[in-house]
Structures are given as C-alpha cells and as structure tokens.
PDB file of N, CA and C in Angstrom:
ATOM      1  N   UNK A   1      -6.707  -1.880  -8.522  1.00  0.00           N
ATOM      2  CA  UNK A   1      -6.404  -0.541  -8.560  1.00  0.00           C
ATOM      3  C   UNK A   1      -5.283   0.158  -7.648  1.00  0.00           C
ATOM      4  N   UNK A   2      -4.027   0.306  -8.599  1.00  0.00           N
ATOM      5  CA  UNK A   2      -3.577   1.137  -7.353  1.00  0.00           C
ATOM      6  C   UNK A   2      -3.584   2.400  -6.613  1.00  0.00           C
ATOM      7  N   UNK A   3      -3.244   2.498  -5.525  1.00  0.00           N
ATOM      8  CA  UNK A   3      -4.075   3.657  -4.907  1.00  0.00           C
ATOM      9  C   UNK A   3      -2.919   5.164  -5.782  1.00  0.00           C
ATOM     10  N   UNK A   4      -3.335   7.041  -5.145  1.00  0.00           N
ATOM     11  CA  UNK A   4      -2.343   7.558  -5.451  1.00  0.00           C
ATOM     12  C   UNK A   4      -1.650   7.909  -5.088  1.00  0.00           C
ATOM     13  N   UNK A   5      -0.085   8.305  -5.580  1.00  0.00           N
ATOM     14  CA  UNK A   5       0.727   8.473  -5.186  1.00  0.00           C
ATOM     15  C   UNK A   5       0.628  10.075  -3.776  1.00  0.00           C
ATOM     16  N   UNK A   6      -0.790  10.844  -4.398  1.00  0.00           N
ATOM     17  CA  UNK A   6      -0.804  11.898  -2.662  1.00  0.00           C
ATOM     18  C   UNK A   6      -1.319  10.984  -2.016  1.00  0.00           C
ATOM     19  N   UNK A   7      -2.182   9.817  -2.596  1.00  0.00           N
ATOM     20  CA  UNK A   7      -2.418   8.879  -0.450  1.00  0.00           C
ATOM     21  C   UNK A   7      -1.728   7.909  -0.193  1.00  0.00           C
ATOM     22  N   UNK A   8      -0.583   7.727  -0.704  1.00  0.00           N
ATOM     23  CA  UNK A   8       0.018   7.157  -0.223  1.00  0.00           C
ATOM     24  C   UNK A   8       1.113   7.831   0.943  1.00  0.00           C
ATOM     25  N   UNK A   9       1.586   8.990  -0.178  1.00  0.00           N
ATOM     26  CA  UNK A   9       2.184   9.521   0.879  1.00  0.00           C
ATOM     27  C   UNK A   9       1.577  10.493   1.871  1.00  0.00           C
ATOM     28  N   UNK A  10       0.247  10.352   2.088  1.00  0.00           N
ATOM     29  CA  UNK A  10      -0.791  11.021   3.096  1.00  0.00           C
ATOM     30  C   UNK A  10      -0.790   9.958   4.371  1.00  0.00           C
ATOM     31  N   UNK A  11      -0.865   8.931   3.704  1.00  0.00           N
ATOM     32  CA  UNK A  11      -1.306   7.579   5.179  1.00  0.00           C
ATOM     33  C   UNK A  11       0.235   7.271   5.311  1.00  0.00           C
ATOM     34  N   UNK A  12       1.507   7.491   4.489  1.00  0.00           N
ATOM     35  CA  UNK A  12       3.035   7.282   5.307  1.00  0.00           C
ATOM     36  C   UNK A  12       2.892   7.918   6.137  1.00  0.00           C
ATOM     37  N   UNK A  13       2.425   9.607   5.870  1.00  0.00           N
ATOM     38  CA  UNK A  13       2.604  10.721   7.236  1.00  0.00           C
ATOM     39  C   UNK A  13       2.040  10.222   8.002  1.00  0.00           C
ATOM     40  N   UNK A  14       0.425   9.659   8.112  1.00  0.00           N
ATOM     41  CA  UNK A  14      -0.338   9.696   9.150  1.00  0.00           C
ATOM     42  C   UNK A  14       0.064   9.024   9.975  1.00  0.00           C
ATOM     43  N   UNK A  15       0.452   7.741   9.458  1.00  0.00           N
ATOM     44  CA  UNK A  15       1.407   6.527  10.422  1.00  0.00           C
ATOM     45  C   UNK A  15       2.695   6.623  10.522  1.00  0.00           C
ATOM     46  N   UNK A  16       3.481   7.588  10.204  1.00  0.00           N
ATOM     47  CA  UNK A  16       4.448   8.143  10.901  1.00  0.00           C
ATOM     48  C   UNK A  16       4.457   9.155  12.395  1.00  0.00           C
ATOM     49  N   UNK A  17       3.570   9.751  11.776  1.00  0.00           N
ATOM     50  CA  UNK A  17       2.968  11.085  12.603  1.00  0.00           C
ATOM     51  C   UNK A  17       2.693   9.808  14.089  1.00  0.00           C
ATOM     52  N   UNK A  18       1.417   8.988  13.548  1.00  0.00           N
ATOM     53  CA  UNK A  18       1.137   8.021  15.133  1.00  0.00           C
ATOM     54  C   UNK A  18       2.335   7.116  15.581  1.00  0.00           C
ATOM     55  N   UNK A  19       2.645   6.798  14.959  1.00  0.00           N
ATOM     56  CA  UNK A  19       3.718   5.649  15.817  1.00  0.00           C
ATOM     57  C   UNK A  19       5.056   7.045  16.326  1.00  0.00           C
ATOM     58  N   UNK A  20       5.210   7.899  16.107  1.00  0.00           N
ATOM     59  CA  UNK A  20       5.861   9.244  16.231  1.00  0.00           C
ATOM     60  C   UNK A  20       5.392   9.659  17.623  1.00  0.00           C
ATOM     61  N   UNK A  21       4.375   9.510  17.830  1.00  0.00           N
ATOM     62  CA  UNK A  21       3.430   9.968  19.278  1.00  0.00           C
ATOM     63  C   UNK A  21       3.224   9.139  19.840  1.00  0.00           C
ATOM     64  N   UNK A  22       3.587   7.838  19.593  1.00  0.00           N
ATOM     65  CA  UNK A  22       3.173   6.790  21.150  1.00  0.00           C
ATOM     66  C   UNK A  22       1.556   5.657  20.660  1.00  0.00           C
ATOM     67  N   UNK A  23       0.859   6.377  19.545  1.00  0.00           N
ATOM     68  CA  UNK A  23      -0.596   6.141  19.083  1.00  0.00           C
ATOM     69  C   UNK A  23      -0.728   4.685  18.658  1.00  0.00           C
ATOM     70  N   UNK A  24      -1.463   3.548  19.158  1.00  0.00           N
ATOM     71  CA  UNK A  24      -1.257   2.951  18.316  1.00  0.00           C
ATOM     72  C   UNK A  24      -2.211   2.987  16.355  1.00  0.00           C
ATOM     73  N   UNK A  25      -1.627   2.424  16.201  1.00  0.00           N
ATOM     74  CA  UNK A  25      -1.832   2.370  14.171  1.00  0.00           C
ATOM     75  C   UNK A  25      -3.243   1.826  14.149  1.00  0.00           C
ATOM     76  N   UNK A  26      -4.142   2.192  13.755  1.00  0.00           N
ATOM     77  CA  UNK A  26      -5.356   1.899  13.210  1.00  0.00           C
ATOM     78  C   UNK A  26      -5.965   2.240  12.360  1.00  0.00           C
ATOM     79  N   UNK A  27      -6.582   1.631  11.635  1.00  0.00           N
ATOM     80  CA  UNK A  27      -7.540   2.073   9.973  1.00  0.00           C
ATOM     81  C   UNK A  27      -8.196   3.073  10.704  1.00  0.00           C
ATOM     82  N   UNK A  28      -8.315   3.188  11.309  1.00  0.00           N
ATOM     83  CA  UNK A  28      -9.782   4.329  11.857  1.00  0.00           C
ATOM     84  C   UNK A  28      -8.528   5.373  11.816  1.00  0.00           C
ATOM     85  N   UNK A  29      -7.824   5.728  13.068  1.00  0.00           N
ATOM     86  CA  UNK A  29      -6.765   6.679  13.128  1.00  0.00           C
ATOM     87  C   UNK A  29      -6.375   7.230  11.723  1.00  0.00           C
ATOM     88  N   UNK A  30      -5.518   6.544  11.308  1.00  0.00           N
ATOM     89  CA  UNK A  30      -4.880   6.589   9.471  1.00  0.00           C
ATOM     90  C   UNK A  30      -5.872   7.178   9.189  1.00  0.00           C
ATOM     91  N   UNK A  31      -7.060   6.602   8.544  1.00  0.00           N
ATOM     92  CA  UNK A  31      -7.866   7.221   7.775  1.00  0.00           C
ATOM     93  C   UNK A  31      -8.292   8.810   8.148  1.00  0.00           C
ATOM     94  N   UNK A  32      -8.240   8.988   9.230  1.00  0.00           N
ATOM     95  CA  UNK A  32      -8.796  10.294  10.085  1.00  0.00           C
ATOM     96  C   UNK A  32      -7.418  11.130   9.851  1.00  0.00           C
ATOM     97  N   UNK A  33      -6.362  10.675   9.956  1.00  0.00           N
ATOM     98  CA  UNK A  33      -5.391  11.866   9.497  1.00  0.00           C
ATOM     99  C   UNK A  33      -5.099  11.815   8.613  1.00  0.00           C
ATOM    100  N   UNK A  34      -5.102  10.785   7.214  1.00  0.00           N
ATOM    101  CA  UNK A  34      -4.570  11.025   6.108  1.00  0.00           C
ATOM    102  C   UNK A  34      -5.671  11.575   5.301  1.00  0.00           C
ATOM    103  N   UNK A  35      -7.105  11.950   5.996  1.00  0.00           N
ATOM    104  CA  UNK A  35      -7.866  12.940   4.793  1.00  0.00           C
ATOM    105  C   UNK A  35      -9.222  12.167   4.406  1.00  0.00           C
ATOM    106  N   UNK A  36      -9.037  10.471   4.277  1.00  0.00           N
ATOM    107  CA  UNK A  36      -9.209   9.368   3.925  1.00  0.00           C
ATOM    108  C   UNK A  36     -10.673   8.088   4.123  1.00  0.00           C
ATOM    109  N   UNK A  37     -11.354   7.795   3.552  1.00  0.00           N
ATOM    110  CA  UNK A  37     -12.127   6.715   4.437  1.00  0.00           C
ATOM    111  C   UNK A  37     -11.400   5.673   4.848  1.00  0.00           C
ATOM    112  N   UNK A  38     -11.789   4.338   5.711  1.00  0.00           N
ATOM    113  CA  UNK A  38     -11.634   3.327   6.302  1.00  0.00           C
ATOM    114  C   UNK A  38     -11.618   2.162   4.826  1.00  0.00           C
ATOM    115  N   UNK A  39     -13.020   2.224   4.326  1.00  0.00           N
ATOM    116  CA  UNK A  39     -13.007   1.483   2.630  1.00  0.00           C
ATOM    117  C   UNK A  39     -11.358   1.600   2.383  1.00  0.00           C
ATOM    118  N   UNK A  40     -10.820   2.731   1.600  1.00  0.00           N
ATOM    119  CA  UNK A  40      -9.845   3.156   0.911  1.00  0.00           C
ATOM    120  C   UNK A  40      -8.644   2.225   1.419  1.00  0.00           C
ATOM    121  N   UNK A  41      -8.813   2.688   2.304  1.00  0.00           N
ATOM    122  CA  UNK A  41      -7.581   1.577   3.163  1.00  0.00           C
ATOM    123  C   UNK A  41      -7.660   0.300   2.449  1.00  0.00           C
ATOM    124  N   UNK A  42      -8.916   0.094   3.075  1.00  0.00           N
ATOM    125  CA  UNK A  42      -9.074  -1.057   2.431  1.00  0.00           C
ATOM    126  C   UNK A  42      -9.172  -2.037   1.129  1.00  0.00           C
ATOM    127  N   UNK A  43      -9.524  -1.430   0.592  1.00  0.00           N
ATOM    128  CA  UNK A  43      -9.524  -1.500  -0.668  1.00  0.00           C
ATOM    129  C   UNK A  43      -8.432  -1.384  -1.729  1.00  0.00           C
ATOM    130  N   UNK A  44      -7.568  -0.306  -1.112  1.00  0.00           N
ATOM    131  CA  UNK A  44      -6.161  -0.451  -2.212  1.00  0.00           C
ATOM    132  C   UNK A  44      -5.019  -1.235  -1.218  1.00  0.00           C
ATOM    133  N   UNK A  45      -4.588  -2.234  -2.275  1.00  0.00           N
ATOM    134  CA  UNK A  45      -3.606  -2.998  -1.451  1.00  0.00           C
ATOM    135  C   UNK A  45      -2.489  -2.313  -1.298  1.00  0.00           C
ATOM    136  N   UNK A  46      -1.711  -2.126  -2.005  1.00  0.00           N
ATOM    137  CA  UNK A  46      -0.465  -0.795  -0.966  1.00  0.00           C
ATOM    138  C   UNK A  46      -0.969   0.139  -0.390  1.00  0.00           C
ATOM    139  N   UNK A  47      -2.362   0.680  -0.051  1.00  0.00           N
ATOM    140  CA  UNK A  47      -2.646   1.738   1.476  1.00  0.00           C
ATOM    141  C   UNK A  47      -2.478   0.104   2.836  1.00  0.00           C
ATOM    142  N   UNK A  48      -3.077  -0.732   2.361  1.00  0.00           N
ATOM    143  CA  UNK A  48      -3.675  -1.505   3.014  1.00  0.00           C
ATOM    144  C   UNK A  48      -3.058  -1.976   3.809  1.00  0.00           C
ATOM    145  N   UNK A  49      -1.182  -2.744   2.851  1.00  0.00           N
ATOM    146  CA  UNK A  49       0.125  -2.869   3.245  1.00  0.00           C
ATOM    147  C   UNK A  49       0.464  -2.368   3.665  1.00  0.00           C
ATOM    148  N   UNK A  50       0.804  -1.112   3.603  1.00  0.00           N
ATOM    149  CA  UNK A  50       1.596   0.001   4.172  1.00  0.00           C
ATOM    150  C   UNK A  50       0.729   0.416   5.299  1.00  0.00           C
ATOM    151  N   UNK A  51      -0.442   0.318   6.139  1.00  0.00           N
ATOM    152  CA  UNK A  51      -0.524   0.436   7.160  1.00  0.00           C
ATOM    153  C   UNK A  51      -0.596  -0.443   7.902  1.00  0.00           C
ATOM    154  N   UNK A  52      -0.570  -1.919   7.716  1.00  0.00           N
ATOM    155  CA  UNK A  52      -0.476  -2.981   7.856  1.00  0.00           C
ATOM    156  C   UNK A  52       1.388  -3.369   8.478  1.00  0.00           C
ATOM    157  N   UNK A  53       2.026  -2.907   7.239  1.00  0.00           N
ATOM    158  CA  UNK A  53       3.399  -2.370   7.842  1.00  0.00           C
ATOM    159  C   UNK A  53       4.158  -1.665   9.213  1.00  0.00           C
ATOM    160  N   UNK A  54       3.285  -0.881   8.885  1.00  0.00           N
ATOM    161  CA  UNK A  54       3.713   0.076   9.989  1.00  0.00           C
ATOM    162  C   UNK A  54       2.785  -0.231  11.192  1.00  0.00           C
ATOM    163  N   UNK A  55       1.767  -1.153  11.004  1.00  0.00           N
ATOM    164  CA  UNK A  55       0.971  -1.999  12.833  1.00  0.00           C
ATOM    165  C   UNK A  55       2.026  -2.971  12.768  1.00  0.00           C
ATOM    166  N   UNK A  56       3.083  -3.341  12.734  1.00  0.00           N
ATOM    167  CA  UNK A  56       3.418  -4.740  12.570  1.00  0.00           C
ATOM    168  C   UNK A  56       4.629  -4.251  13.286  1.00  0.00           C
ATOM    169  N   UNK A  57       5.682  -3.096  13.322  1.00  0.00           N
ATOM    170  CA  UNK A  57       6.370  -2.882  13.753  1.00  0.00           C
ATOM    171  C   UNK A  57       7.135  -2.312  14.809  1.00  0.00           C
ATOM    172  N   UNK A  58       4.979  -1.908  15.323  1.00  0.00           N
ATOM    173  CA  UNK A  58       4.970  -1.216  16.766  1.00  0.00           C
ATOM    174  C   UNK A  58       4.491  -2.438  17.691  1.00  0.00           C
ATOM    175  N   UNK A  59       4.603  -3.917  17.340  1.00  0.00           N
ATOM    176  CA  UNK A  59       4.088  -4.657  17.712  1.00  0.00           C
ATOM    177  C   UNK A  59       5.133  -6.400  17.773  1.00  0.00           C
ATOM    178  N   UNK A  60       6.471  -5.752  18.479  1.00  0.00           N
ATOM    179  CA  UNK A  60       6.851  -7.842  18.015  1.00  0.00           C
ATOM    180  C   UNK A  60       7.194  -7.728  17.254  1.00  0.00           C
ATOM    181  N   UNK A  61       7.707  -6.532  16.140  1.00  0.00           N
ATOM    182  CA  UNK A  61       8.691  -7.240  14.479  1.00  0.00           C
ATOM    183  C   UNK A  61       9.124  -8.195  14.852  1.00  0.00           C
ATOM    184  N   UNK A  62      10.366  -8.277  16.110  1.00  0.00           N
ATOM    185  CA  UNK A  62      11.463  -8.825  16.004  1.00  0.00           C
ATOM    186  C   UNK A  62      11.428 -10.536  16.125  1.00  0.00           C
ATOM    187  N   UNK A  63      10.092 -10.547  16.724  1.00  0.00           N
ATOM    188  CA  UNK A  63       9.291 -12.153  16.632  1.00  0.00           C
ATOM    189  C   UNK A  63       9.093 -12.911  15.432  1.00  0.00           C
ATOM    190  N   UNK A  64       8.975 -14.017  16.339  1.00  0.00           N
ATOM    191  CA  UNK A  64       8.588 -15.326  14.630  1.00  0.00           C
ATOM    192  C   UNK A  64       7.554 -15.019  13.835  1.00  0.00           C
ATOM    193  N   UNK A  65       6.570 -14.031  14.775  1.00  0.00           N
ATOM    194  CA  UNK A  65       5.035 -14.217  14.862  1.00  0.00           C
ATOM    195  C   UNK A  65       5.223 -12.334  13.593  1.00  0.00           C
ATOM    196  N   UNK A  66       5.849 -11.753  14.398  1.00  0.00           N
ATOM    197  CA  UNK A  66       6.098 -10.538  13.729  1.00  0.00           C
ATOM    198  C   UNK A  66       6.810 -10.722  12.198  1.00  0.00           C
ATOM    199  N   UNK A  67       8.035 -11.263  12.284  1.00  0.00           N
ATOM    200  CA  UNK A  67       8.531 -11.682  11.006  1.00  0.00           C
ATOM    201  C   UNK A  67       7.611 -12.587  10.176  1.00  0.00           C
ATOM    202  N   UNK A  68       6.284 -13.166  10.349  1.00  0.00           N
ATOM    203  CA  UNK A  68       5.638 -14.177   9.342  1.00  0.00           C
ATOM    204  C   UNK A  68       5.075 -13.035   9.535  1.00  0.00           C
ATOM    205  N   UNK A  69       4.230 -11.801   9.687  1.00  0.00           N
ATOM    206  CA  UNK A  69       3.245 -11.375   9.445  1.00  0.00           C
ATOM    207  C   UNK A  69       4.415 -10.268   8.236  1.00  0.00           C
ATOM    208  N   UNK A  70       5.477  -9.792   8.489  1.00  0.00           N
ATOM    209  CA  UNK A  70       6.007  -8.667   7.771  1.00  0.00           C
ATOM    210  C   UNK A  70       5.956  -9.576   6.482  1.00  0.00           C
ATOM    211  N   UNK A  71       6.632 -10.915   6.617  1.00  0.00           N
ATOM    212  CA  UNK A  71       6.490 -11.717   4.924  1.00  0.00           C
ATOM    213  C   UNK A  71       5.167 -12.051   4.040  1.00  0.00           C
ATOM    214  N   UNK A  72       4.600 -12.065   4.662  1.00  0.00           N
ATOM    215  CA  UNK A  72       3.202 -12.021   4.796  1.00  0.00           C
ATOM    216  C   UNK A  72       2.844 -10.331   3.989  1.00  0.00           C
ATOM    217  N   UNK A  73       2.755  -9.385   4.482  1.00  0.00           N
ATOM    218  CA  UNK A  73       2.438  -8.172   4.268  1.00  0.00           C
ATOM    219  C   UNK A  73       2.847  -7.522   3.670  1.00  0.00           C
ATOM    220  N   UNK A  74       4.392  -8.195   3.023  1.00  0.00           N
ATOM    221  CA  UNK A  74       5.751  -7.828   1.971  1.00  0.00           C
ATOM    222  C   UNK A  74       4.870  -8.204   1.013  1.00  0.00           C
ATOM    223  N   UNK A  75       4.509  -9.903   0.754  1.00  0.00           N
ATOM    224  CA  UNK A  75       4.489 -11.098  -0.425  1.00  0.00           C
ATOM    225  C   UNK A  75       2.671  -9.868  -0.736  1.00  0.00           C
ATOM    226  N   UNK A  76       2.106  -9.191  -0.058  1.00  0.00           N
ATOM    227  CA  UNK A  76       0.693  -8.967  -0.707  1.00  0.00           C
ATOM    228  C   UNK A  76       1.480  -7.764  -1.010  1.00  0.00           C
ATOM    229  N   UNK A  77       2.086  -6.773  -0.529  1.00  0.00           N
ATOM    230  CA  UNK A  77       2.297  -5.913  -1.198  1.00  0.00           C
ATOM    231  C   UNK A  77       3.459  -6.209  -3.063  1.00  0.00           C
ATOM    232  N   UNK A  78       4.466  -7.622  -2.864  1.00  0.00           N
ATOM    233  CA  UNK A  78       4.780  -7.894  -3.866  1.00  0.00           C
ATOM    234  C   UNK A  78       3.810  -8.589  -5.053  1.00  0.00           C
ATOM    235  N   UNK A  79       3.018  -8.336  -4.800  1.00  0.00           N
ATOM    236  CA  UNK A  79       1.534  -9.067  -5.510  1.00  0.00           C
ATOM    237  C   UNK A  79       0.977  -8.018  -6.314  1.00  0.00           C
ATOM    238  N   UNK A  80       0.750  -7.058  -5.041  1.00  0.00           N
ATOM    239  CA  UNK A  80      -0.199  -5.692  -6.317  1.00  0.00           C
ATOM    240  C   UNK A  80       0.818  -5.175  -6.645  1.00  0.00           C
ATOM    241  N   UNK A  81       2.279  -4.793  -6.539  1.00  0.00           N
ATOM    242  CA  UNK A  81       3.417  -4.144  -7.466  1.00  0.00           C
ATOM    243  C   UNK A  81       3.266  -4.911  -8.758  1.00  0.00           C
ATOM    244  N   UNK A  82       3.065  -6.340  -8.380  1.00  0.00           N
ATOM    245  CA  UNK A  82       2.923  -7.140 -10.151  1.00  0.00           C
ATOM    246  C   UNK A  82       2.241  -7.035 -10.738  1.00  0.00           C
ATOM    247  N   UNK A  83       1.221  -6.690  -9.875  1.00  0.00           N
ATOM    248  CA  UNK A  83      -0.741  -6.628 -11.062  1.00  0.00           C
ATOM    249  C   UNK A  83      -0.511  -5.077 -11.482  1.00  0.00           C
ATOM    250  N   UNK A  84       0.314  -4.230 -10.990  1.00  0.00           N
ATOM    251  CA  UNK A  84       0.689  -2.699 -11.506  1.00  0.00           C
ATOM    252  C   UNK A  84       1.515  -2.966 -12.680  1.00  0.00           C
ATOM    253  N   UNK A  85       2.482  -3.439 -12.802  1.00  0.00           N
ATOM    254  CA  UNK A  85       3.187  -3.763 -13.898  1.00  0.00           C
ATOM    255  C   UNK A  85       2.950  -4.540 -15.215  1.00  0.00           C
ATOM    256  N   UNK A  86       2.242  -5.732 -14.226  1.00  0.00           N
ATOM    257  CA  UNK A  86       1.206  -6.508 -15.793  1.00  0.00           C
ATOM    258  C   UNK A  86       0.359  -5.568 -16.612  1.00  0.00           C
ATOM    259  N   UNK A  87      -0.125  -4.457 -15.389  1.00  0.00           N
ATOM    260  CA  UNK A  87      -1.467  -3.380 -16.296  1.00  0.00           C
ATOM    261  C   UNK A  87      -0.438  -2.611 -17.501  1.00  0.00           C
ATOM    262  N   UNK A  88       0.510  -2.210 -17.239  1.00  0.00           N
ATOM    263  CA  UNK A  88       1.158  -1.390 -17.176  1.00  0.00           C
ATOM    264  C   UNK A  88       1.664  -2.092 -18.819  1.00  0.00           C
ATOM    265  N   UNK A  89       2.241  -3.378 -18.268  1.00  0.00           N
ATOM    266  CA  UNK A  89       3.035  -3.905 -20.041  1.00  0.00           C
ATOM    267  C   UNK A  89       1.972  -3.717 -21.085  1.00  0.00           C
ATOM    268  N   UNK A  90       0.565  -4.399 -20.683  1.00  0.00           N
ATOM    269  CA  UNK A  90      -0.606  -4.392 -21.185  1.00  0.00           C
ATOM    270  C   UNK A  90      -0.754  -3.728 -22.460  1.00  0.00           C
ATOM    271  N   UNK A  91      -0.718  -2.172 -21.635  1.00  0.00           N
ATOM    272  CA  UNK A  91      -1.101  -1.146 -21.903  1.00  0.00           C
ATOM    273  C   UNK A  91      -0.039  -0.605 -23.057  1.00  0.00           C
ATOM    274  N   UNK A  92       1.757  -0.651 -22.684  1.00  0.00           N
ATOM    275  CA  UNK A  92       2.313  -0.521 -23.230  1.00  0.00           C
ATOM    276  C   UNK A  92       2.261  -1.235 -24.865  1.00  0.00           C
ATOM    277  N   UNK A  93       2.266  -2.740 -24.604  1.00  0.00           N
ATOM    278  CA  UNK A  93       1.946  -3.632 -26.071  1.00  0.00           C
ATOM    279  C   UNK A  93       0.718  -2.873 -26.670  1.00  0.00           C
ATOM    280  N   UNK A  94      -0.667  -2.503 -25.867  1.00  0.00           N
ATOM    281  CA  UNK A  94      -1.304  -1.889 -27.262  1.00  0.00           C
ATOM    282  C   UNK A  94      -1.205  -0.693 -27.920  1.00  0.00           C
ATOM    283  N   UNK A  95      -0.446  -0.034 -26.734  1.00  0.00           N
ATOM    284  CA  UNK A  95       0.118   1.062 -27.443  1.00  0.00           C
ATOM    285  C   UNK A  95       1.198   0.952 -28.539  1.00  0.00           C
ATOM    286  N   UNK A  96       1.470   0.245 -28.456  1.00  0.00           N
ATOM    287  CA  UNK A  96       2.596  -0.351 -29.611  1.00  0.00           C
ATOM    288  C   UNK A  96       2.235  -0.744 -31.125  1.00  0.00           C
ATOM    289  N   UNK A  97       1.127  -1.468 -30.476  1.00  0.00           N
ATOM    290  CA  UNK A  97       0.041  -2.398 -31.756  1.00  0.00           C
ATOM    291  C   UNK A  97      -0.898  -0.994 -32.469  1.00  0.00           C
ATOM    292  N   UNK A  98      -1.531   0.056 -31.850  1.00  0.00           N
ATOM    293  CA  UNK A  98      -1.577   1.268 -31.479  1.00  0.00           C
ATOM    294  C   UNK A  98      -0.512   1.694 -33.140  1.00  0.00           C
ATOM    295  N   UNK A  99       0.641   2.146 -32.769  1.00  0.00           N
ATOM    296  CA  UNK A  99       1.235   2.638 -33.013  1.00  0.00           C
ATOM    297  C   UNK A  99       1.612   2.037 -34.326  1.00  0.00           C
ATOM    298  N   UNK A 100       2.171   0.590 -34.242  1.00  0.00           N
ATOM    299  CA  UNK A 100       2.629  -0.263 -35.507  1.00  0.00           C
ATOM    300  C   UNK A 100       0.607  -0.045 -37.033  1.00  0.00           C
ATOM    301  N   UNK A 101      -0.113   0.081 -36.169  1.00  0.00           N
ATOM    302  CA  UNK A 101      -1.240   0.123 -37.242  1.00  0.00           C
ATOM    303  C   UNK A 101      -1.176   1.390 -37.396  1.00  0.00           C
ATOM    304  N   UNK A 102      -0.653   2.628 -37.479  1.00  0.00           N
ATOM    305  CA  UNK A 102      -0.869   3.819 -37.487  1.00  0.00           C
ATOM    306  C   UNK A 102       0.277   4.540 -38.398  1.00  0.00           C
ATOM    307  N   UNK A 103       0.552   3.279 -38.356  1.00  0.00           N
ATOM    308  CA  UNK A 103       2.249   3.946 -39.214  1.00  0.00           C
ATOM    309  C   UNK A 103       1.903   3.813 -40.991  1.00  0.00           C
TER     310      UNK A 103
END
C-alpha cells in the first residue's frame, strides 16, 4: 500500500531539513521529524526509497557505488509506482464492469 501524500511530504521535508543542517539522514531522525514511526518508513516502499535517496545524496552519489545505489533505489521506487498503477487499473476495470452491468 502506498503512503499518503501528507506522509510523503513530511518525510521529504524531514530529509531536506536534516540535509540542510548537515546532520546524517537516518530512519530514526527522519521518523522523529516527520512525526511517524520507523516501521512506517520501512513498510512503505515509496517512503523507504525517499529516505534512501536522500541518504545516498549525502554519501558520494557521484561514485560508482553511489550511482549503483541510486539505480537500485530508483528501481524500487519504479516498482512501487508500477504496483500502484496496476491496482488503479484493476479498480478502473472493476468500476467499468459495474457500470456496464448497471446500464
């Protein structure tokens, strides 16, 4: 299940605040600042990818290892988006079927 838009915005804001202050971006610190739990950050692939993306920016993102980490994070983020699209497409199909049977 994807995270709520408010949660995504809070996590993004927390990561940006930590980065701007030069503090390490950890799941604990992000969870505390975003007002959520670490479990939530780990459970939602989109939130986890967001935190990991910000963490990678702070640790040599221009190295081969950093680029590999970014690619892996982007792959996981893309998989999360694809899963959401599949769920929405299925919901649309169900609604269209229901609409046809009610017509």
